[in-house]
């Protein structure tokens, strides 16, 4: 999950931030910082001082003629405890659906200009 305040997530969960950023000559950092826990739970990530990251992605899509870039998740199917996931994630507006299978991500749907794409 990309978050705006990774320090707050780190403090809330009592977990260390791992920094995978590399400084570049233009003053930006390339890479990310993350907070993670058990493998079946999502990790939290941010991209500090990373320049116009979204603009670079859009330019790459345009260069290769990609016409249906993903825009947002429409559903994430999660296995395991809904209570545990809610406590781990904190307040969010993710389109979560839970099943009682093994813990972790079971499937995802996301919107594109060409329609919805489902991964399972």
C-alpha atoms as a PDB file:
ATOM      1  CA  UNK A   1       0.000   0.000   0.000  1.00  0.00           C
ATOM      2  CA  UNK A   2       1.396   3.381  -0.943  1.00  0.00           C
ATOM      3  CA  UNK A   3       1.026   5.730   1.999  1.00  0.00           C
ATOM      4  CA  UNK A   4       1.611   9.447   2.498  1.00  0.00           C
ATOM      5  CA  UNK A   5       3.138   9.115   5.980  1.00  0.00           C
ATOM      6  CA  UNK A   6       5.314   6.021   6.307  1.00  0.00           C
ATOM      7  CA  UNK A   7       6.722   7.267   9.622  1.00  0.00           C
ATOM      8  CA  UNK A   8       3.214   7.206  11.136  1.00  0.00           C
ATOM      9  CA  UNK A   9       2.641   3.646   9.875  1.00  0.00           C
ATOM     10  CA  UNK A  10       6.018   2.580  11.286  1.00  0.00           C
ATOM     11  CA  UNK A  11       5.176   4.107  14.677  1.00  0.00           C
ATOM     12  CA  UNK A  12       1.630   2.651  14.727  1.00  0.00           C
ATOM     13  CA  UNK A  13       2.871  -0.881  13.999  1.00  0.00           C
ATOM     14  CA  UNK A  14       6.145  -0.611  15.924  1.00  0.00           C
ATOM     15  CA  UNK A  15       8.125  -1.715  12.864  1.00  0.00           C
ATOM     16  CA  UNK A  16      11.291  -0.405  11.231  1.00  0.00           C
ATOM     17  CA  UNK A  17      11.353   1.439   7.905  1.00  0.00           C
ATOM     18  CA  UNK A  18      13.605  -0.197   5.313  1.00  0.00           C
ATOM     19  CA  UNK A  19      15.117   2.360   2.941  1.00  0.00           C
ATOM     20  CA  UNK A  20      15.830   1.267  -0.637  1.00  0.00           C
ATOM     21  CA  UNK A  21      16.435   4.716  -2.140  1.00  0.00           C
ATOM     22  CA  UNK A  22      19.463   5.791  -4.186  1.00  0.00           C
ATOM     23  CA  UNK A  23      20.310   9.493  -4.645  1.00  0.00           C
ATOM     24  CA  UNK A  24      20.714  10.782  -8.211  1.00  0.00           C
ATOM     25  CA  UNK A  25      22.659  13.812  -9.456  1.00  0.00           C
ATOM     26  CA  UNK A  26      19.476  15.844 -10.007  1.00  0.00           C
ATOM     27  CA  UNK A  27      18.653  15.730  -6.278  1.00  0.00           C
ATOM     28  CA  UNK A  28      15.905  13.137  -6.586  1.00  0.00           C
ATOM     29  CA  UNK A  29      15.888   9.696  -5.047  1.00  0.00           C
ATOM     30  CA  UNK A  30      15.075   6.601  -7.049  1.00  0.00           C
ATOM     31  CA  UNK A  31      13.675   3.698  -5.119  1.00  0.00           C
ATOM     32  CA  UNK A  32      11.373   3.342  -2.163  1.00  0.00           C
ATOM     33  CA  UNK A  33      11.024   2.932   1.571  1.00  0.00           C
ATOM     34  CA  UNK A  34       8.893   0.184   3.080  1.00  0.00           C
ATOM     35  CA  UNK A  35       7.423  -1.211   6.287  1.00  0.00           C
ATOM     36  CA  UNK A  36       6.564  -4.896   6.193  1.00  0.00           C
ATOM     37  CA  UNK A  37       5.398  -7.659   8.465  1.00  0.00           C
ATOM     38  CA  UNK A  38       4.327 -11.259   7.913  1.00  0.00           C
ATOM     39  CA  UNK A  39       4.406 -12.283   4.234  1.00  0.00           C
ATOM     40  CA  UNK A  40       0.623 -12.721   4.024  1.00  0.00           C
ATOM     41  CA  UNK A  41       0.010  -9.072   4.984  1.00  0.00           C
ATOM     42  CA  UNK A  42       0.564  -6.210   2.515  1.00  0.00           C
ATOM     43  CA  UNK A  43       3.601  -4.016   2.932  1.00  0.00           C
ATOM     44  CA  UNK A  44       3.471  -0.228   3.130  1.00  0.00           C
ATOM     45  CA  UNK A  45       5.579   1.820   0.731  1.00  0.00           C
ATOM     46  CA  UNK A  46       6.431   5.409  -0.140  1.00  0.00           C
ATOM     47  CA  UNK A  47       8.595   7.093  -2.760  1.00  0.00           C
ATOM     48  CA  UNK A  48      10.284  10.047  -1.033  1.00  0.00           C
ATOM     49  CA  UNK A  49      11.625  12.917  -3.162  1.00  0.00           C
ATOM     50  CA  UNK A  50      11.213  10.698  -6.219  1.00  0.00           C
ATOM     51  CA  UNK A  51      10.617  13.463  -8.749  1.00  0.00           C
ATOM     52  CA  UNK A  52       7.628  13.158 -11.060  1.00  0.00           C
ATOM     53  CA  UNK A  53       7.255   9.373 -10.732  1.00  0.00           C
ATOM     54  CA  UNK A  54       3.721   9.280 -12.158  1.00  0.00           C
ATOM     55  CA  UNK A  55       4.750  11.520 -15.026  1.00  0.00           C
ATOM     56  CA  UNK A  56       7.615   9.140 -15.875  1.00  0.00           C
ATOM     57  CA  UNK A  57       5.161   6.198 -15.898  1.00  0.00           C
ATOM     58  CA  UNK A  58       2.731   8.065 -18.159  1.00  0.00           C
ATOM     59  CA  UNK A  59       5.570   8.955 -20.534  1.00  0.00           C
ATOM     60  CA  UNK A  60       6.617   5.286 -20.694  1.00  0.00           C
ATOM     61  CA  UNK A  61       3.048   4.213 -21.511  1.00  0.00           C
ATOM     62  CA  UNK A  62       2.892   6.831 -24.271  1.00  0.00           C
ATOM     63  CA  UNK A  63       6.287   5.820 -25.728  1.00  0.00           C
ATOM     64  CA  UNK A  64       5.185   2.207 -26.161  1.00  0.00           C
ATOM     65  CA  UNK A  65       1.674   3.081 -27.320  1.00  0.00           C
ATOM     66  CA  UNK A  66      -0.043   1.558 -24.286  1.00  0.00           C
ATOM     67  CA  UNK A  67      -3.709   2.544 -24.500  1.00  0.00           C
ATOM     68  CA  UNK A  68      -5.208   1.029 -21.373  1.00  0.00           C
ATOM     69  CA  UNK A  69      -2.991   1.770 -18.386  1.00  0.00           C
ATOM     70  CA  UNK A  70      -4.450   0.724 -15.019  1.00  0.00           C
ATOM     71  CA  UNK A  71      -6.271   3.502 -13.172  1.00  0.00           C
ATOM     72  CA  UNK A  72      -7.451   2.004  -9.868  1.00  0.00           C
ATOM     73  CA  UNK A  73      -8.258  -1.209  -8.047  1.00  0.00           C
ATOM     74  CA  UNK A  74     -11.919  -2.146  -8.220  1.00  0.00           C
ATOM     75  CA  UNK A  75     -11.627  -5.178  -5.920  1.00  0.00           C
ATOM     76  CA  UNK A  76      -8.981  -6.993  -3.889  1.00  0.00           C
ATOM     77  CA  UNK A  77      -9.897 -10.478  -2.680  1.00  0.00           C
ATOM     78  CA  UNK A  78      -8.149 -11.325   0.569  1.00  0.00           C
ATOM     79  CA  UNK A  79      -7.967 -14.645   2.394  1.00  0.00           C
ATOM     80  CA  UNK A  80      -7.738 -14.728   6.155  1.00  0.00           C
ATOM     81  CA  UNK A  81      -9.042 -12.679   9.035  1.00  0.00           C
ATOM     82  CA  UNK A  82     -10.919  -9.506   8.160  1.00  0.00           C
ATOM     83  CA  UNK A  83     -10.251  -8.228  11.699  1.00  0.00           C
ATOM     84  CA  UNK A  84      -6.499  -8.836  11.443  1.00  0.00           C
ATOM     85  CA  UNK A  85      -6.352  -7.115   8.058  1.00  0.00           C
ATOM     86  CA  UNK A  86      -8.350  -4.115   9.313  1.00  0.00           C
ATOM     87  CA  UNK A  87      -6.001  -3.719  12.291  1.00  0.00           C
ATOM     88  CA  UNK A  88      -2.939  -4.036  10.044  1.00  0.00           C
ATOM     89  CA  UNK A  89      -4.122  -1.608   7.365  1.00  0.00           C
ATOM     90  CA  UNK A  90      -5.714   0.988   9.613  1.00  0.00           C
ATOM     91  CA  UNK A  91      -8.296   3.345   8.092  1.00  0.00           C
ATOM     92  CA  UNK A  92      -8.536   2.900   4.310  1.00  0.00           C
ATOM     93  CA  UNK A  93     -10.945   3.019   1.408  1.00  0.00           C
ATOM     94  CA  UNK A  94      -9.749  -0.081  -0.416  1.00  0.00           C
ATOM     95  CA  UNK A  95     -12.376  -2.214  -2.191  1.00  0.00           C
ATOM     96  CA  UNK A  96     -11.694  -5.332  -0.100  1.00  0.00           C
ATOM     97  CA  UNK A  97     -13.584  -8.606  -0.281  1.00  0.00           C
ATOM     98  CA  UNK A  98     -12.726 -11.441   2.105  1.00  0.00           C
ATOM     99  CA  UNK A  99     -12.891 -15.195   1.768  1.00  0.00           C
ATOM    100  CA  UNK A 100     -11.974 -17.878   4.260  1.00  0.00           C
ATOM    101  CA  UNK A 101      -9.129 -19.434   2.276  1.00  0.00           C
ATOM    102  CA  UNK A 102      -5.433 -19.237   3.018  1.00  0.00           C
ATOM    103  CA  UNK A 103      -4.142 -15.892   4.260  1.00  0.00           C
ATOM    104  CA  UNK A 104      -3.015 -13.276   1.762  1.00  0.00           C
ATOM    105  CA  UNK A 105      -4.004 -11.791  -1.581  1.00  0.00           C
ATOM    106  CA  UNK A 106      -6.175 -14.185  -3.614  1.00  0.00           C
ATOM    107  CA  UNK A 107      -7.181 -11.960  -6.527  1.00  0.00           C
ATOM    108  CA  UNK A 108      -7.346  -8.432  -7.835  1.00  0.00           C
ATOM    109  CA  UNK A 109      -9.435  -6.459 -10.282  1.00  0.00           C
ATOM    110  CA  UNK A 110      -8.461  -3.085 -11.669  1.00  0.00           C
ATOM    111  CA  UNK A 111      -9.936  -0.603 -14.081  1.00  0.00           C
ATOM    112  CA  UNK A 112      -8.361   0.444 -17.371  1.00  0.00           C
ATOM    113  CA  UNK A 113      -9.591   2.549 -20.277  1.00  0.00           C
ATOM    114  CA  UNK A 114     -10.229  -0.758 -22.074  1.00  0.00           C
ATOM    115  CA  UNK A 115     -12.303  -2.254 -19.258  1.00  0.00           C
ATOM    116  CA  UNK A 116     -11.759  -4.159 -16.059  1.00  0.00           C
ATOM    117  CA  UNK A 117      -8.902  -6.667 -15.746  1.00  0.00           C
ATOM    118  CA  UNK A 118      -9.075  -9.566 -13.287  1.00  0.00           C
ATOM    119  CA  UNK A 119      -6.098 -11.443 -11.841  1.00  0.00           C
ATOM    120  CA  UNK A 120      -6.592 -14.536  -9.720  1.00  0.00           C
END
